[in-house]
Amino acid sequence: MLVAGPFLYLEAVDDSAISVRTVSGAEVAEYVPSLAALRIEVFREYPYLYEGNLEYESEYLLSYAKSANSVFVLVLDGDKVVGVSTGMPMVDADSDFRAPFAERGHAIEKVYYFGESVLRKTYRGLGIGARFMREREAFARGVEGMEYCAFCAVRRPEDHVLRPAGYRDLGGFWRRFGFVERPDLETSFSWKEIGEEKESRKVMRFWLKGIL
């Protein structure tokens, strides 16, 4: 289960056919096959370096269809899905996401969890990352009882051997949207990354924002 923030790079693209659509609950199931492939494509890049498979990705994404207050913010080029940003109430999220909050006495029923934001390279740099943030927060504010939005991101050392030259992390972007890094709220997930023979645990740190 991986999460990625908005993106900062641009290739030339005609944005006249690009549209944004928000779907929720059971409606998201229709988009699972195309989004599973998109997650594998995007998360193969640094910093996740993820070697995924369609079966696992489809199963994971279908968990959103089981949450009445889940959201997919879809980016479409014509009728082709080229990006998505996801979210659901923390009470509906995987136990590994909930655990750091529960262990520290946070009321998870008041937290809306932001999942992944994935966008095909060609469409980056058009302000879609900011749109993802705004749309998910607006949706979360409409869910009864929500007081916080939260997401987690993988921790990588600055000297990681596969870190691309000129890579910029997204901390500054997230702070501009009011999120605060929380070193006291960390979890870990296992996945197989490029160059690994088997899965290993990776540390994920949460960022939090109040929305009252």
C-alpha atoms as a PDB file:
ATOM      1  CA  MET A   1       0.000   0.000   0.000  1.00  0.00           C
ATOM      2  CA  LEU A   2       1.860   3.017  -1.250  1.00  0.00           C
ATOM      3  CA  VAL A   3       1.264   6.703  -1.292  1.00  0.00           C
ATOM      4  CA  ALA A   4       2.820   9.354  -3.456  1.00  0.00           C
ATOM      5  CA  GLY A   5       2.399  13.087  -3.501  1.00  0.00           C
ATOM      6  CA  PRO A   6       1.886  15.501  -6.393  1.00  0.00           C
ATOM      7  CA  PHE A   7       4.487  15.864  -9.144  1.00  0.00           C
ATOM      8  CA  LEU A   8       6.631  18.731 -10.356  1.00  0.00           C
ATOM      9  CA  TYR A   9       7.872  17.894 -13.860  1.00  0.00           C
ATOM     10  CA  LEU A  10       6.346  18.621 -17.259  1.00  0.00           C
ATOM     11  CA  GLU A  11       6.410  17.319 -20.796  1.00  0.00           C
ATOM     12  CA  ALA A  12       4.449  19.254 -23.419  1.00  0.00           C
ATOM     13  CA  VAL A  13       0.813  18.178 -23.523  1.00  0.00           C
ATOM     14  CA  ASP A  14      -2.386  19.594 -24.962  1.00  0.00           C
ATOM     15  CA  ASP A  15      -4.564  19.985 -21.881  1.00  0.00           C
ATOM     16  CA  SER A  16      -7.754  20.856 -23.774  1.00  0.00           C
ATOM     17  CA  ALA A  17      -9.107  17.305 -23.414  1.00  0.00           C
ATOM     18  CA  ILE A  18      -8.157  16.928 -19.750  1.00  0.00           C
ATOM     19  CA  SER A  19     -10.981  16.755 -17.215  1.00  0.00           C
ATOM     20  CA  VAL A  20     -11.323  15.943 -13.522  1.00  0.00           C
ATOM     21  CA  ARG A  21     -14.059  13.721 -12.131  1.00  0.00           C
ATOM     22  CA  THR A  22     -14.795  12.728  -8.536  1.00  0.00           C
ATOM     23  CA  VAL A  23     -16.392   9.367  -7.710  1.00  0.00           C
ATOM     24  CA  SER A  24     -17.147   7.822  -4.333  1.00  0.00           C
ATOM     25  CA  GLY A  25     -18.016   4.555  -2.635  1.00  0.00           C
ATOM     26  CA  ALA A  26     -19.032   1.677  -4.893  1.00  0.00           C
ATOM     27  CA  GLU A  27     -18.598   3.909  -7.966  1.00  0.00           C
ATOM     28  CA  VAL A  28     -14.817   3.568  -7.733  1.00  0.00           C
ATOM     29  CA  ALA A  29     -14.876  -0.144  -8.631  1.00  0.00           C
ATOM     30  CA  GLU A  30     -15.360   0.663 -12.323  1.00  0.00           C
ATOM     31  CA  TYR A  31     -11.923   2.284 -12.467  1.00  0.00           C
ATOM     32  CA  VAL A  32      -9.915  -0.335 -10.570  1.00  0.00           C
ATOM     33  CA  PRO A  33      -8.394  -2.221 -13.556  1.00  0.00           C
ATOM     34  CA  SER A  34      -6.910   0.860 -15.223  1.00  0.00           C
ATOM     35  CA  LEU A  35      -5.796   2.359 -11.926  1.00  0.00           C
ATOM     36  CA  ALA A  36      -4.062  -0.828 -10.804  1.00  0.00           C
ATOM     37  CA  ALA A  37      -1.836  -0.655 -13.881  1.00  0.00           C
ATOM     38  CA  LEU A  38      -1.253   3.064 -13.361  1.00  0.00           C
ATOM     39  CA  ARG A  39      -0.138   2.543  -9.758  1.00  0.00           C
ATOM     40  CA  ILE A  40       2.426  -0.032 -10.849  1.00  0.00           C
ATOM     41  CA  GLU A  41       3.733   2.327 -13.546  1.00  0.00           C
ATOM     42  CA  VAL A  42       4.097   5.378 -11.299  1.00  0.00           C
ATOM     43  CA  PHE A  43       5.272   3.689  -8.120  1.00  0.00           C
ATOM     44  CA  ARG A  44       8.145   2.050  -9.991  1.00  0.00           C
ATOM     45  CA  GLU A  45       9.760   5.491  -9.963  1.00  0.00           C
ATOM     46  CA  TYR A  46      11.820   6.884  -7.091  1.00  0.00           C
ATOM     47  CA  PRO A  47      11.205   7.139  -4.143  1.00  0.00           C
ATOM     48  CA  TYR A  48       9.008   4.004  -4.056  1.00  0.00           C
ATOM     49  CA  LEU A  49      10.881   1.829  -6.578  1.00  0.00           C
ATOM     50  CA  TYR A  50       7.986  -0.593  -6.368  1.00  0.00           C
ATOM     51  CA  GLU A  51       7.755  -3.853  -8.279  1.00  0.00           C
ATOM     52  CA  GLY A  52       4.019  -4.463  -8.074  1.00  0.00           C
ATOM     53  CA  ASN A  53       1.544  -6.928  -9.516  1.00  0.00           C
ATOM     54  CA  LEU A  54      -1.955  -6.399 -10.856  1.00  0.00           C
ATOM     55  CA  GLU A  55      -3.636  -8.927  -8.574  1.00  0.00           C
ATOM     56  CA  TYR A  56      -2.471  -7.221  -5.395  1.00  0.00           C
ATOM     57  CA  GLU A  57      -3.133  -3.738  -6.752  1.00  0.00           C
ATOM     58  CA  SER A  58      -6.680  -4.609  -7.785  1.00  0.00           C
ATOM     59  CA  GLU A  59      -7.442  -6.147  -4.399  1.00  0.00           C
ATOM     60  CA  TYR A  60      -6.080  -3.086  -2.606  1.00  0.00           C
ATOM     61  CA  LEU A  61      -8.007  -0.591  -4.729  1.00  0.00           C
ATOM     62  CA  LEU A  62     -11.265  -2.518  -4.293  1.00  0.00           C
ATOM     63  CA  SER A  63     -11.042  -1.781  -0.562  1.00  0.00           C
ATOM     64  CA  TYR A  64     -12.047   1.773  -1.451  1.00  0.00           C
ATOM     65  CA  ALA A  65     -15.250   0.494  -3.057  1.00  0.00           C
ATOM     66  CA  LYS A  66     -16.239  -0.977   0.314  1.00  0.00           C
ATOM     67  CA  SER A  67     -16.037   2.417   2.044  1.00  0.00           C
ATOM     68  CA  ALA A  68     -19.169   4.544   1.617  1.00  0.00           C
ATOM     69  CA  ASN A  69     -17.145   7.745   2.058  1.00  0.00           C
ATOM     70  CA  SER A  70     -14.132   6.901  -0.077  1.00  0.00           C
ATOM     71  CA  VAL A  71     -13.128   9.203  -2.908  1.00  0.00           C
ATOM     72  CA  PHE A  72     -11.274   8.872  -6.205  1.00  0.00           C
ATOM     73  CA  VAL A  73     -10.338  12.151  -7.874  1.00  0.00           C
ATOM     74  CA  LEU A  74      -9.810  11.029 -11.463  1.00  0.00           C
ATOM     75  CA  VAL A  75      -7.874  12.816 -14.190  1.00  0.00           C
ATOM     76  CA  LEU A  76      -9.054  11.882 -17.665  1.00  0.00           C
ATOM     77  CA  ASP A  77      -7.638  12.681 -21.079  1.00  0.00           C
ATOM     78  CA  GLY A  78     -10.758  12.142 -23.126  1.00  0.00           C
ATOM     79  CA  ASP A  79     -12.021   8.837 -21.757  1.00  0.00           C
ATOM     80  CA  LYS A  80      -8.580   7.573 -20.674  1.00  0.00           C
ATOM     81  CA  VAL A  81      -7.661   7.676 -16.972  1.00  0.00           C
ATOM     82  CA  VAL A  82      -4.191   9.204 -16.597  1.00  0.00           C
ATOM     83  CA  GLY A  83      -4.189  10.020 -12.880  1.00  0.00           C
ATOM     84  CA  VAL A  84      -5.991   9.475  -9.604  1.00  0.00           C
ATOM     85  CA  SER A  85      -5.884  10.715  -6.035  1.00  0.00           C
ATOM     86  CA  THR A  86      -7.625   8.643  -3.373  1.00  0.00           C
ATOM     87  CA  GLY A  87      -8.957   8.902   0.145  1.00  0.00           C
ATOM     88  CA  MET A  88     -11.189   7.253   2.749  1.00  0.00           C
ATOM     89  CA  PRO A  89     -12.065   7.664   6.425  1.00  0.00           C
ATOM     90  CA  MET A  90      -9.236   6.317   8.559  1.00  0.00           C
ATOM     91  CA  VAL A  91     -11.652   3.911  10.262  1.00  0.00           C
ATOM     92  CA  ASP A  92     -12.010   2.142   6.893  1.00  0.00           C
ATOM     93  CA  ALA A  93      -8.281   2.065   6.124  1.00  0.00           C
ATOM     94  CA  ASP A  94      -5.879  -0.811   6.672  1.00  0.00           C
ATOM     95  CA  SER A  95      -4.896  -1.526  10.271  1.00  0.00           C
ATOM     96  CA  ASP A  96      -1.274  -0.535   9.584  1.00  0.00           C
ATOM     97  CA  PHE A  97      -2.463   2.983   8.747  1.00  0.00           C
ATOM     98  CA  ARG A  98      -4.672   3.180  11.836  1.00  0.00           C
ATOM     99  CA  ALA A  99      -2.202   1.752  14.340  1.00  0.00           C
ATOM    100  CA  PRO A 100       0.081   4.799  14.899  1.00  0.00           C
ATOM    101  CA  PHE A 101      -2.949   6.978  15.644  1.00  0.00           C
ATOM    102  CA  ALA A 102      -4.650   4.465  17.923  1.00  0.00           C
ATOM    103  CA  GLU A 103      -1.424   3.792  19.832  1.00  0.00           C
ATOM    104  CA  ARG A 104      -1.060   7.501  20.620  1.00  0.00           C
ATOM    105  CA  GLY A 105      -4.652   8.047  21.602  1.00  0.00           C
ATOM    106  CA  HIS A 106      -5.820   9.888  18.491  1.00  0.00           C
ATOM    107  CA  ALA A 107      -9.503   9.501  17.617  1.00  0.00           C
ATOM    108  CA  ILE A 108      -9.238   7.736  14.265  1.00  0.00           C
ATOM    109  CA  GLU A 109     -12.930   8.327  13.581  1.00  0.00           C
ATOM    110  CA  LYS A 110     -12.060  12.021  13.165  1.00  0.00           C
ATOM    111  CA  VAL A 111      -9.285  11.445  10.600  1.00  0.00           C
ATOM    112  CA  TYR A 112      -9.712  11.303   6.828  1.00  0.00           C
ATOM    113  CA  TYR A 113      -6.895   9.342   5.219  1.00  0.00           C
ATOM    114  CA  PHE A 114      -5.406  10.565   1.935  1.00  0.00           C
ATOM    115  CA  GLY A 115      -4.118   7.589  -0.026  1.00  0.00           C
ATOM    116  CA  GLU A 116      -2.069   7.784  -3.191  1.00  0.00           C
ATOM    117  CA  SER A 117      -1.756  10.471  -5.822  1.00  0.00           C
ATOM    118  CA  VAL A 118      -0.495   8.972  -9.082  1.00  0.00           C
ATOM    119  CA  LEU A 119      -0.190  10.786 -12.386  1.00  0.00           C
ATOM    120  CA  ARG A 120       1.325   9.716 -15.697  1.00  0.00           C
ATOM    121  CA  LYS A 121       4.532  11.626 -16.476  1.00  0.00           C
ATOM    122  CA  THR A 122       3.195  13.444 -19.523  1.00  0.00           C
ATOM    123  CA  TYR A 123       0.581  15.223 -17.408  1.00  0.00           C
ATOM    124  CA  ARG A 124       2.802  16.484 -14.612  1.00  0.00           C
ATOM    125  CA  GLY A 125       3.457  20.174 -14.103  1.00  0.00           C
ATOM    126  CA  LEU A 126      -0.080  21.299 -15.004  1.00  0.00           C
ATOM    127  CA  GLY A 127      -1.218  22.046 -11.455  1.00  0.00           C
ATOM    128  CA  ILE A 128      -2.983  18.721 -11.095  1.00  0.00           C
ATOM    129  CA  GLY A 129      -1.193  17.929  -7.822  1.00  0.00           C
ATOM    130  CA  ALA A 130      -2.711  21.043  -6.257  1.00  0.00           C
ATOM    131  CA  ARG A 131      -6.115  20.095  -7.654  1.00  0.00           C
ATOM    132  CA  PHE A 132      -5.771  16.664  -6.068  1.00  0.00           C
ATOM    133  CA  MET A 133      -5.175  18.263  -2.679  1.00  0.00           C
ATOM    134  CA  ARG A 134      -8.072  20.709  -2.947  1.00  0.00           C
ATOM    135  CA  GLU A 135     -10.594  18.155  -4.182  1.00  0.00           C
ATOM    136  CA  ARG A 136      -9.794  15.585  -1.516  1.00  0.00           C
ATOM    137  CA  GLU A 137      -9.863  18.133   1.276  1.00  0.00           C
ATOM    138  CA  ALA A 138     -13.208  19.480   0.066  1.00  0.00           C
ATOM    139  CA  PHE A 139     -14.594  15.949   0.041  1.00  0.00           C
ATOM    140  CA  ALA A 140     -13.226  15.221   3.530  1.00  0.00           C
ATOM    141  CA  ARG A 141     -14.845  18.374   4.899  1.00  0.00           C
ATOM    142  CA  GLY A 142     -18.173  17.049   3.663  1.00  0.00           C
ATOM    143  CA  VAL A 143     -17.858  13.801   5.623  1.00  0.00           C
ATOM    144  CA  GLU A 144     -19.520  14.085   9.018  1.00  0.00           C
ATOM    145  CA  GLY A 145     -17.170  14.110  11.992  1.00  0.00           C
ATOM    146  CA  MET A 146     -13.902  14.677  10.146  1.00  0.00           C
ATOM    147  CA  GLU A 147     -11.456  17.018  11.912  1.00  0.00           C
ATOM    148  CA  TYR A 148      -8.137  16.064  10.290  1.00  0.00           C
ATOM    149  CA  CYS A 149      -6.669  14.932   6.990  1.00  0.00           C
ATOM    150  CA  ALA A 150      -3.595  12.701   7.034  1.00  0.00           C
ATOM    151  CA  PHE A 151      -1.308  10.913   4.611  1.00  0.00           C
ATOM    152  CA  CYS A 152       1.980   9.057   4.884  1.00  0.00           C
ATOM    153  CA  ALA A 153       5.043   9.041   2.652  1.00  0.00           C
ATOM    154  CA  VAL A 154       8.082   6.793   2.440  1.00  0.00           C
ATOM    155  CA  ARG A 155      11.320   7.840   4.142  1.00  0.00           C
ATOM    156  CA  ARG A 156      14.482   7.612   2.041  1.00  0.00           C
ATOM    157  CA  PRO A 157      18.043   8.709   2.868  1.00  0.00           C
ATOM    158  CA  GLU A 158      19.328  11.658   0.842  1.00  0.00           C
ATOM    159  CA  ASP A 159      22.233   9.540  -0.396  1.00  0.00           C
ATOM    160  CA  HIS A 160      20.061   6.667  -1.642  1.00  0.00           C
ATOM    161  CA  VAL A 161      21.845   5.042  -4.577  1.00  0.00           C
ATOM    162  CA  LEU A 162      18.776   5.293  -6.846  1.00  0.00           C
ATOM    163  CA  ARG A 163      17.874   8.881  -5.971  1.00  0.00           C
ATOM    164  CA  PRO A 164      17.758  10.774  -9.314  1.00  0.00           C
ATOM    165  CA  ALA A 165      19.987  13.800  -9.802  1.00  0.00           C
ATOM    166  CA  GLY A 166      18.042  16.953  -9.050  1.00  0.00           C
ATOM    167  CA  TYR A 167      15.272  15.122  -7.204  1.00  0.00           C
ATOM    168  CA  ARG A 168      13.211  17.379  -4.932  1.00  0.00           C
ATOM    169  CA  ASP A 169      11.075  15.936  -2.181  1.00  0.00           C
ATOM    170  CA  LEU A 170       7.565  17.271  -1.771  1.00  0.00           C
ATOM    171  CA  GLY A 171       7.750  18.510   1.808  1.00  0.00           C
ATOM    172  CA  GLY A 172       7.575  22.147   0.751  1.00  0.00           C
ATOM    173  CA  PHE A 173       4.516  21.498  -1.405  1.00  0.00           C
ATOM    174  CA  TRP A 174       2.697  19.689   1.386  1.00  0.00           C
ATOM    175  CA  ARG A 175       3.498  22.448   3.873  1.00  0.00           C
ATOM    176  CA  ARG A 176       2.003  25.041   1.528  1.00  0.00           C
ATOM    177  CA  PHE A 177      -1.272  23.170   1.849  1.00  0.00           C
ATOM    178  CA  GLY A 178      -1.079  23.323   5.630  1.00  0.00           C
ATOM    179  CA  PHE A 179       0.196  19.826   6.379  1.00  0.00           C
ATOM    180  CA  VAL A 180       2.591  19.298   9.280  1.00  0.00           C
ATOM    181  CA  GLU A 181       5.156  16.503   9.339  1.00  0.00           C
ATOM    182  CA  ARG A 182       4.678  14.215  12.347  1.00  0.00           C
ATOM    183  CA  PRO A 183       7.811  12.246  13.290  1.00  0.00           C
ATOM    184  CA  ASP A 184       5.807  10.752  16.164  1.00  0.00           C
ATOM    185  CA  LEU A 185       3.396   9.096  13.726  1.00  0.00           C
ATOM    186  CA  GLU A 186       5.163   6.453  11.669  1.00  0.00           C
ATOM    187  CA  THR A 187       4.266   3.061  10.303  1.00  0.00           C
ATOM    188  CA  SER A 188       5.944   0.600   7.949  1.00  0.00           C
ATOM    189  CA  PHE A 189       4.946  -1.497   4.967  1.00  0.00           C
ATOM    190  CA  SER A 190       6.575  -4.302   3.044  1.00  0.00           C
ATOM    191  CA  TRP A 191       7.043  -4.291  -0.695  1.00  0.00           C
ATOM    192  CA  LYS A 192       9.587  -5.599  -3.165  1.00  0.00           C
ATOM    193  CA  GLU A 193      11.559  -2.785  -4.722  1.00  0.00           C
ATOM    194  CA  ILE A 194      13.800  -2.673  -7.756  1.00  0.00           C
ATOM    195  CA  GLY A 195      16.958  -4.674  -7.079  1.00  0.00           C
ATOM    196  CA  GLU A 196      15.567  -6.606  -4.106  1.00  0.00           C
ATOM    197  CA  GLU A 197      15.177 -10.375  -4.113  1.00  0.00           C
ATOM    198  CA  LYS A 198      12.264 -10.237  -1.674  1.00  0.00           C
ATOM    199  CA  GLU A 199      10.049  -7.758   0.142  1.00  0.00           C
ATOM    200  CA  SER A 200      11.428  -5.591   2.934  1.00  0.00           C
ATOM    201  CA  ARG A 201       9.853  -3.161   5.397  1.00  0.00           C
ATOM    202  CA  LYS A 202       9.944   0.564   4.592  1.00  0.00           C
ATOM    203  CA  VAL A 203       9.243   3.340   7.070  1.00  0.00           C
ATOM    204  CA  MET A 204       6.338   5.660   6.243  1.00  0.00           C
ATOM    205  CA  ARG A 205       5.849   8.976   8.071  1.00  0.00           C
ATOM    206  CA  PHE A 206       2.523  10.752   8.456  1.00  0.00           C
ATOM    207  CA  TRP A 207       1.653  14.354   7.704  1.00  0.00           C
ATOM    208  CA  LEU A 208      -1.411  15.885   9.360  1.00  0.00           C
ATOM    209  CA  LYS A 209      -3.716  18.877   8.816  1.00  0.00           C
ATOM    210  CA  GLY A 210      -6.665  20.146  10.849  1.00  0.00           C
ATOM    211  CA  ILE A 211      -9.766  20.975   8.793  1.00  0.00           C
ATOM    212  CA  LEU A 212     -12.158  22.404  11.395  1.00  0.00           C
END
